[in-house]
Every structure is written in C-alpha cells, then in structure tokens.
PDB file of N, CA and C in Angstrom:
ATOM      1  N   MET A   1     121.314  92.999 103.161  1.00  0.00           N
ATOM      2  CA  MET A   1     120.124  93.021 104.379  1.00  0.00           C
ATOM      3  C   MET A   1     119.361  93.741 104.067  1.00  0.00           C
ATOM      4  N   ASP A   2     119.675  95.085 103.579  1.00  0.00           N
ATOM      5  CA  ASP A   2     118.684  96.044 103.611  1.00  0.00           C
ATOM      6  C   ASP A   2     118.225  95.933 101.757  1.00  0.00           C
ATOM      7  N   PHE A   3     118.869  95.057 101.172  1.00  0.00           N
ATOM      8  CA  PHE A   3     118.005  94.830 100.130  1.00  0.00           C
ATOM      9  C   PHE A   3     116.934  93.634 100.059  1.00  0.00           C
ATOM     10  N   TYR A   4     117.591  93.306 100.940  1.00  0.00           N
ATOM     11  CA  TYR A   4     115.729  91.821 101.320  1.00  0.00           C
ATOM     12  C   TYR A   4     115.244  92.458 101.794  1.00  0.00           C
ATOM     13  N   LEU A   5     114.975  93.944 102.898  1.00  0.00           N
ATOM     14  CA  LEU A   5     114.100  94.128 103.395  1.00  0.00           C
ATOM     15  C   LEU A   5     113.250  95.277 102.560  1.00  0.00           C
ATOM     16  N   ASP A   6     113.896  95.875 101.574  1.00  0.00           N
ATOM     17  CA  ASP A   6     113.343  96.402 100.792  1.00  0.00           C
ATOM     18  C   ASP A   6     112.560  96.135  99.596  1.00  0.00           C
ATOM     19  N   LEU A   7     113.594  94.962  99.298  1.00  0.00           N
ATOM     20  CA  LEU A   7     112.469  94.542  98.444  1.00  0.00           C
ATOM     21  C   LEU A   7     111.307  93.583  99.202  1.00  0.00           C
ATOM     22  N   ALA A   8     111.713  93.509  99.962  1.00  0.00           N
ATOM     23  CA  ALA A   8     110.104  92.926 100.306  1.00  0.00           C
ATOM     24  C   ALA A   8     108.966  93.713 100.774  1.00  0.00           C
ATOM     25  N   MET A   9     109.352  95.213 101.323  1.00  0.00           N
ATOM     26  CA  MET A   9     108.184  95.791 101.624  1.00  0.00           C
ATOM     27  C   MET A   9     107.620  96.325  99.863  1.00  0.00           C
ATOM     28  N   ILE A  10     108.902  95.720  98.774  1.00  0.00           N
ATOM     29  CA  ILE A  10     107.918  96.519  97.808  1.00  0.00           C
ATOM     30  C   ILE A  10     106.901  95.640  97.165  1.00  0.00           C
ATOM     31  N   ILE A  11     107.654  93.884  97.845  1.00  0.00           N
ATOM     32  CA  ILE A  11     106.672  92.852  97.284  1.00  0.00           C
ATOM     33  C   ILE A  11     105.581  92.956  97.671  1.00  0.00           C
ATOM     34  N   ILE A  12     105.307  93.288  99.397  1.00  0.00           N
ATOM     35  CA  ILE A  12     104.190  93.916  99.837  1.00  0.00           C
ATOM     36  C   ILE A  12     103.190  94.506  99.462  1.00  0.00           C
ATOM     37  N   SER A  13     103.566  95.735  99.399  1.00  0.00           N
ATOM     38  CA  SER A  13     102.779  97.313  99.184  1.00  0.00           C
ATOM     39  C   SER A  13     102.406  96.546  97.673  1.00  0.00           C
ATOM     40  N   ILE A  14     103.268  96.391  97.261  1.00  0.00           N
ATOM     41  CA  ILE A  14     102.330  96.086  95.260  1.00  0.00           C
ATOM     42  C   ILE A  14     101.031  95.009  95.509  1.00  0.00           C
ATOM     43  N   THR A  15     101.374  94.296  96.577  1.00  0.00           N
ATOM     44  CA  THR A  15     100.401  93.059  96.526  1.00  0.00           C
ATOM     45  C   THR A  15      99.255  93.959  97.639  1.00  0.00           C
ATOM     46  N   MET A  16      99.514  94.952  98.486  1.00  0.00           N
ATOM     47  CA  MET A  16      98.566  95.420  99.065  1.00  0.00           C
ATOM     48  C   MET A  16      97.855  95.905  98.383  1.00  0.00           C
ATOM     49  N   ILE A  17      98.351  96.820  97.358  1.00  0.00           N
ATOM     50  CA  ILE A  17      97.992  97.311  96.369  1.00  0.00           C
ATOM     51  C   ILE A  17      96.246  96.912  95.470  1.00  0.00           C
ATOM     52  N   VAL A  18      97.423  95.388  95.163  1.00  0.00           N
ATOM     53  CA  VAL A  18      96.427  95.125  94.728  1.00  0.00           C
ATOM     54  C   VAL A  18      94.938  94.504  95.413  1.00  0.00           C
ATOM     55  N   VAL A  19      95.223  93.560  96.059  1.00  0.00           N
ATOM     56  CA  VAL A  19      93.810  93.330  97.102  1.00  0.00           C
ATOM     57  C   VAL A  19      93.128  94.054  97.558  1.00  0.00           C
ATOM     58  N   ILE A  20      93.638  95.444  97.786  1.00  0.00           N
ATOM     59  CA  ILE A  20      92.398  97.200  97.805  1.00  0.00           C
ATOM     60  C   ILE A  20      92.112  97.189  96.816  1.00  0.00           C
ATOM     61  N   ILE A  21      92.608  96.819  95.573  1.00  0.00           N
ATOM     62  CA  ILE A  21      91.932  97.232  94.462  1.00  0.00           C
ATOM     63  C   ILE A  21      91.044  96.162  93.997  1.00  0.00           C
ATOM     64  N   LEU A  22      90.652  95.024  94.455  1.00  0.00           N
ATOM     65  CA  LEU A  22      89.880  94.124  94.064  1.00  0.00           C
ATOM     66  C   LEU A  22      88.976  94.540  95.359  1.00  0.00           C
ATOM     67  N   GLN A  23      89.210  94.938  96.448  1.00  0.00           N
ATOM     68  CA  GLN A  23      87.870  94.997  97.430  1.00  0.00           C
ATOM     69  C   GLN A  23      87.086  95.522  97.156  1.00  0.00           C
ATOM     70  N   SER A  24      87.880  97.119  96.349  1.00  0.00           N
ATOM     71  CA  SER A  24      86.816  97.934  96.176  1.00  0.00           C
ATOM     72  C   SER A  24      86.417  97.815  94.711  1.00  0.00           C
ATOM     73  N   ARG A  25      86.340  97.170  93.597  1.00  0.00           N
ATOM     74  CA  ARG A  25      85.788  96.694  92.914  1.00  0.00           C
ATOM     75  C   ARG A  25      84.466  95.606  93.729  1.00  0.00           C
ATOM     76  N   GLY A  26      84.952  94.416  94.187  1.00  0.00           N
ATOM     77  CA  GLY A  26      83.676  93.871  94.970  1.00  0.00           C
ATOM     78  C   GLY A  26      82.369  94.629  95.614  1.00  0.00           C
ATOM     79  N   ALA A  27      83.041  95.624  95.857  1.00  0.00           N
ATOM     80  CA  ALA A  27      82.131  96.840  97.179  1.00  0.00           C
ATOM     81  C   ALA A  27      81.026  97.446  95.631  1.00  0.00           C
ATOM     82  N   GLY A  28      81.637  97.550  94.406  1.00  0.00           N
ATOM     83  CA  GLY A  28      80.567  98.092  93.783  1.00  0.00           C
ATOM     84  C   GLY A  28      79.326  97.178  93.267  1.00  0.00           C
ATOM     85  N   LEU A  29      80.075  95.679  92.825  1.00  0.00           N
ATOM     86  CA  LEU A  29      79.195  94.470  92.545  1.00  0.00           C
ATOM     87  C   LEU A  29      78.203  94.962  93.978  1.00  0.00           C
ATOM     88  N   GLY A  30      78.105  95.189  95.322  1.00  0.00           N
ATOM     89  CA  GLY A  30      76.738  94.292  96.146  1.00  0.00           C
ATOM     90  C   GLY A  30      76.499  95.133  96.226  1.00  0.00           C
ATOM     91  N   GLY A  31      75.564  96.501  95.390  1.00  0.00           N
ATOM     92  CA  GLY A  31      74.226  97.465  95.138  1.00  0.00           C
ATOM     93  C   GLY A  31      74.012  96.935  94.251  1.00  0.00           C
ATOM     94  N   LEU A  32      74.127  96.256  93.475  1.00  0.00           N
ATOM     95  CA  LEU A  32      73.705  95.451  92.043  1.00  0.00           C
ATOM     96  C   LEU A  32      72.043  95.188  92.014  1.00  0.00           C
ATOM     97  N   GLY A  33      71.341  94.727  93.447  1.00  0.00           N
ATOM     98  CA  GLY A  33      70.579  93.831  93.515  1.00  0.00           C
ATOM     99  C   GLY A  33      69.262  94.746  94.424  1.00  0.00           C
ATOM    100  N   GLY A  34      69.467  96.153  94.031  1.00  0.00           N
ATOM    101  CA  GLY A  34      68.888  96.707  94.993  1.00  0.00           C
ATOM    102  C   GLY A  34      68.674  96.728  96.356  1.00  0.00           C
ATOM    103  N   GLY A  35      67.467  97.404  96.425  1.00  0.00           N
ATOM    104  CA  GLY A  35      67.672  96.958  98.509  1.00  0.00           C
ATOM    105  C   GLY A  35      66.725  98.020  98.366  1.00  0.00           C
ATOM    106  N   SER A  36      65.730  96.969  99.750  1.00  0.00           N
ATOM    107  CA  SER A  36      64.448  98.105 100.539  1.00  0.00           C
ATOM    108  C   SER A  36      64.519  99.047 101.527  1.00  0.00           C
ATOM    109  N   PHE A  37      66.396  98.711 102.036  1.00  0.00           N
ATOM    110  CA  PHE A  37      66.372  99.486 103.280  1.00  0.00           C
ATOM    111  C   PHE A  37      67.287 100.637 103.212  1.00  0.00           C
ATOM    112  N   GLY A  38      66.869 101.181 102.000  1.00  0.00           N
ATOM    113  CA  GLY A  38      67.507 102.953 101.922  1.00  0.00           C
ATOM    114  C   GLY A  38      69.265 102.932 101.311  1.00  0.00           C
ATOM    115  N   GLY A  39      69.418 101.597 100.990  1.00  0.00           N
ATOM    116  CA  GLY A  39      70.837 101.379 100.641  1.00  0.00           C
ATOM    117  C   GLY A  39      72.224 101.800 102.155  1.00  0.00           C
ATOM    118  N   THR A  40      71.381 101.761 103.312  1.00  0.00           N
ATOM    119  CA  THR A  40      72.445 101.717 104.593  1.00  0.00           C
ATOM    120  C   THR A  40      71.901 100.473 105.201  1.00  0.00           C
ATOM    121  N   GLY A  41      72.535  99.487 105.573  1.00  0.00           N
ATOM    122  CA  GLY A  41      72.138  98.212 106.064  1.00  0.00           C
ATOM    123  C   GLY A  41      73.436  97.845 106.914  1.00  0.00           C
ATOM    124  N   TYR A  42      73.005  96.665 107.619  1.00  0.00           N
ATOM    125  CA  TYR A  42      74.280  95.625 107.722  1.00  0.00           C
ATOM    126  C   TYR A  42      74.390  94.986 107.215  1.00  0.00           C
ATOM    127  N   HIS A  43      76.347  94.987 106.911  1.00  0.00           N
ATOM    128  CA  HIS A  43      76.380  94.074 105.502  1.00  0.00           C
ATOM    129  C   HIS A  43      77.594  92.680 106.246  1.00  0.00           C
ATOM    130  N   VAL A  44      77.371  91.884 105.791  1.00  0.00           N
ATOM    131  CA  VAL A  44      78.148  90.693 106.797  1.00  0.00           C
ATOM    132  C   VAL A  44      79.158  89.983 105.340  1.00  0.00           C
ATOM    133  N   ARG A  45      80.650  90.334 105.788  1.00  0.00           N
ATOM    134  CA  ARG A  45      81.233  89.485 104.564  1.00  0.00           C
ATOM    135  C   ARG A  45      81.389  88.274 104.507  1.00  0.00           C
ATOM    136  N   ARG A  46      81.016  87.857 103.571  1.00  0.00           N
ATOM    137  CA  ARG A  46      81.526  86.431 103.162  1.00  0.00           C
ATOM    138  C   ARG A  46      82.255  85.924 101.742  1.00  0.00           C
ATOM    139  N   GLY A  47      82.777  84.694 102.224  1.00  0.00           N
ATOM    140  CA  GLY A  47      83.702  84.385 100.997  1.00  0.00           C
ATOM    141  C   GLY A  47      84.572  84.875 100.689  1.00  0.00           C
ATOM    142  N   VAL A  48      84.646  85.224  99.282  1.00  0.00           N
ATOM    143  CA  VAL A  48      85.924  86.003  98.524  1.00  0.00           C
ATOM    144  C   VAL A  48      86.330  87.307  99.528  1.00  0.00           C
ATOM    145  N   GLU A  49      85.087  88.030  99.838  1.00  0.00           N
ATOM    146  CA  GLU A  49      85.245  89.230  99.959  1.00  0.00           C
ATOM    147  C   GLU A  49      85.757  89.699 101.446  1.00  0.00           C
ATOM    148  N   ARG A  50      85.313  88.320 102.796  1.00  0.00           N
ATOM    149  CA  ARG A  50      85.977  87.954 103.817  1.00  0.00           C
ATOM    150  C   ARG A  50      87.298  87.825 103.758  1.00  0.00           C
ATOM    151  N   LEU A  51      87.881  86.844 102.868  1.00  0.00           N
ATOM    152  CA  LEU A  51      89.436  86.459 102.617  1.00  0.00           C
ATOM    153  C   LEU A  51      89.830  87.598 102.034  1.00  0.00           C
ATOM    154  N   LEU A  52      89.384  88.562 101.162  1.00  0.00           N
ATOM    155  CA  LEU A  52      90.389  89.523 100.810  1.00  0.00           C
ATOM    156  C   LEU A  52      90.664  90.424 102.378  1.00  0.00           C
ATOM    157  N   PHE A  53      88.911  90.793 102.652  1.00  0.00           N
ATOM    158  CA  PHE A  53      89.568  91.769 103.783  1.00  0.00           C
ATOM    159  C   PHE A  53      90.573  90.767 104.763  1.00  0.00           C
ATOM    160  N   GLN A  54      90.512  89.945 105.096  1.00  0.00           N
ATOM    161  CA  GLN A  54      91.501  89.368 106.190  1.00  0.00           C
ATOM    162  C   GLN A  54      92.780  89.136 105.432  1.00  0.00           C
ATOM    163  N   VAL A  55      93.064  89.496 104.317  1.00  0.00           N
ATOM    164  CA  VAL A  55      94.749  88.922 103.688  1.00  0.00           C
ATOM    165  C   VAL A  55      95.197  90.733 103.479  1.00  0.00           C
ATOM    166  N   THR A  56      94.386  91.719 103.741  1.00  0.00           N
ATOM    167  CA  THR A  56      94.619  93.039 103.645  1.00  0.00           C
ATOM    168  C   THR A  56      95.011  93.436 105.249  1.00  0.00           C
ATOM    169  N   ILE A  57      94.152  92.822 106.258  1.00  0.00           N
ATOM    170  CA  ILE A  57      94.788  93.254 107.503  1.00  0.00           C
ATOM    171  C   ILE A  57      96.189  92.317 107.658  1.00  0.00           C
ATOM    172  N   ALA A  58      96.839  90.859 107.206  1.00  0.00           N
ATOM    173  CA  ALA A  58      97.836  90.919 107.208  1.00  0.00           C
ATOM    174  C   ALA A  58      98.930  91.518 106.364  1.00  0.00           C
ATOM    175  N   LEU A  59      98.641  91.726 105.367  1.00  0.00           N
ATOM    176  CA  LEU A  59      99.228  92.304 104.592  1.00  0.00           C
ATOM    177  C   LEU A  59      99.587  93.830 105.108  1.00  0.00           C
ATOM    178  N   SER A  60      98.927  94.652 105.397  1.00  0.00           N
ATOM    179  CA  SER A  60      99.153  96.243 106.739  1.00  0.00           C
ATOM    180  C   SER A  60     100.079  95.849 107.557  1.00  0.00           C
ATOM    181  N   ALA A  61     100.062  94.300 108.470  1.00  0.00           N
ATOM    182  CA  ALA A  61     100.617  94.256 109.436  1.00  0.00           C
ATOM    183  C   ALA A  61     101.915  93.567 109.444  1.00  0.00           C
ATOM    184  N   ALA A  62     102.310  92.936 107.899  1.00  0.00           N
ATOM    185  CA  ALA A  62     103.453  92.565 107.622  1.00  0.00           C
ATOM    186  C   ALA A  62     104.087  93.571 107.216  1.00  0.00           C
ATOM    187  N   PHE A  63     103.583  94.886 106.344  1.00  0.00           N
ATOM    188  CA  PHE A  63     104.211  96.048 105.583  1.00  0.00           C
ATOM    189  C   PHE A  63     104.524  96.622 106.959  1.00  0.00           C
ATOM    190  N   PHE A  64     103.871  97.269 107.924  1.00  0.00           N
ATOM    191  CA  PHE A  64     104.165  97.646 109.502  1.00  0.00           C
ATOM    192  C   PHE A  64     105.441  97.031 109.929  1.00  0.00           C
ATOM    193  N   ALA A  65     105.261  95.848 110.263  1.00  0.00           N
ATOM    194  CA  ALA A  65     106.665  95.388 110.966  1.00  0.00           C
ATOM    195  C   ALA A  65     107.807  95.559 110.099  1.00  0.00           C
ATOM    196  N   LEU A  66     108.104  95.507 108.921  1.00  0.00           N
ATOM    197  CA  LEU A  66     108.843  95.735 107.851  1.00  0.00           C
ATOM    198  C   LEU A  66     109.563  96.625 108.031  1.00  0.00           C
ATOM    199  N   ALA A  67     108.829  97.650 108.183  1.00  0.00           N
ATOM    200  CA  ALA A  67     108.934  99.514 108.225  1.00  0.00           C
ATOM    201  C   ALA A  67     109.573  99.302 109.639  1.00  0.00           C
ATOM    202  N   ILE A  68     109.023  98.959 110.386  1.00  0.00           N
ATOM    203  CA  ILE A  68     109.855  98.946 111.757  1.00  0.00           C
ATOM    204  C   ILE A  68     111.236  98.104 111.873  1.00  0.00           C
ATOM    205  N   ALA A  69     110.712  96.847 111.153  1.00  0.00           N
ATOM    206  CA  ALA A  69     112.654  96.538 111.288  1.00  0.00           C
ATOM    207  C   ALA A  69     113.573  96.962 110.446  1.00  0.00           C
ATOM    208  N   THR A  70     113.119  97.846 109.530  1.00  0.00           N
ATOM    209  CA  THR A  70     114.079  98.790 108.300  1.00  0.00           C
ATOM    210  C   THR A  70     114.227  99.612 108.933  1.00  0.00           C
ATOM    211  N   VAL A  71     113.643 100.631 109.944  1.00  0.00           N
ATOM    212  CA  VAL A  71     114.535 101.599 110.886  1.00  0.00           C
ATOM    213  C   VAL A  71     115.497 101.269 111.844  1.00  0.00           C
ATOM    214  N   LEU A  72     114.681  99.947 112.568  1.00  0.00           N
ATOM    215  CA  LEU A  72     115.965  99.897 113.611  1.00  0.00           C
ATOM    216  C   LEU A  72     116.849  98.927 113.398  1.00  0.00           C
ATOM    217  N   LEU A  73     116.967  98.099 111.969  1.00  0.00           N
ATOM    218  CA  LEU A  73     118.135  97.560 111.381  1.00  0.00           C
ATOM    219  C   LEU A  73     119.162  98.100 110.373  1.00  0.00           C
ATOM    220  N   VAL A  74     118.369  98.951 109.825  1.00  0.00           N
ATOM    221  CA  VAL A  74     119.265 100.183 108.409  1.00  0.00           C
ATOM    222  C   VAL A  74     120.164 101.125 109.073  1.00  0.00           C
ATOM    223  N   GLY A  75     118.757 102.265 109.975  1.00  0.00           N
ATOM    224  CA  GLY A  75     118.377 103.645 110.148  1.00  0.00           C
ATOM    225  C   GLY A  75     119.458 103.431 111.350  1.00  0.00           C
TER     226      GLY A  75
END
C-alpha cells in the first residue's frame, strides 16, 4: 500500500510540475499584442489556459489528499 501511495504522489507531482510550466509559458505569450491599458487589466481565462488552470487545481487537491492519506495510513 505504501508503494502505491508513493508512486501516485510522484506521478501527480511530476504532472503538476509540467502543467505549471505550461501555464507560465502561456502567460508570457498573452502580452505579445501590446496593450492600451498600461499592462494591467482584467484577464479572462479561455480555452487551453482555463483547462490548465482547472487541471492545476484538481492536481493540487489530489496531491493534498494523497499526502494526508499517506500520513494517516502509513505514518
């Protein structure tokens, strides 16, 4: 049981790192068109950016739940 929890945490953490890196690369591309609002304005997530944001939240929740489960079951 301990092996499977550790393996799941490793897989989720690597996936979360990849998704966060993809988000940071996507944020850099949003400012290419310039802006007449001084660079600060309201930003709405759409398409892939919104999907990555939701996947990040789900992976964070799963990682937290697995960490708690590991402490309760193994520790």
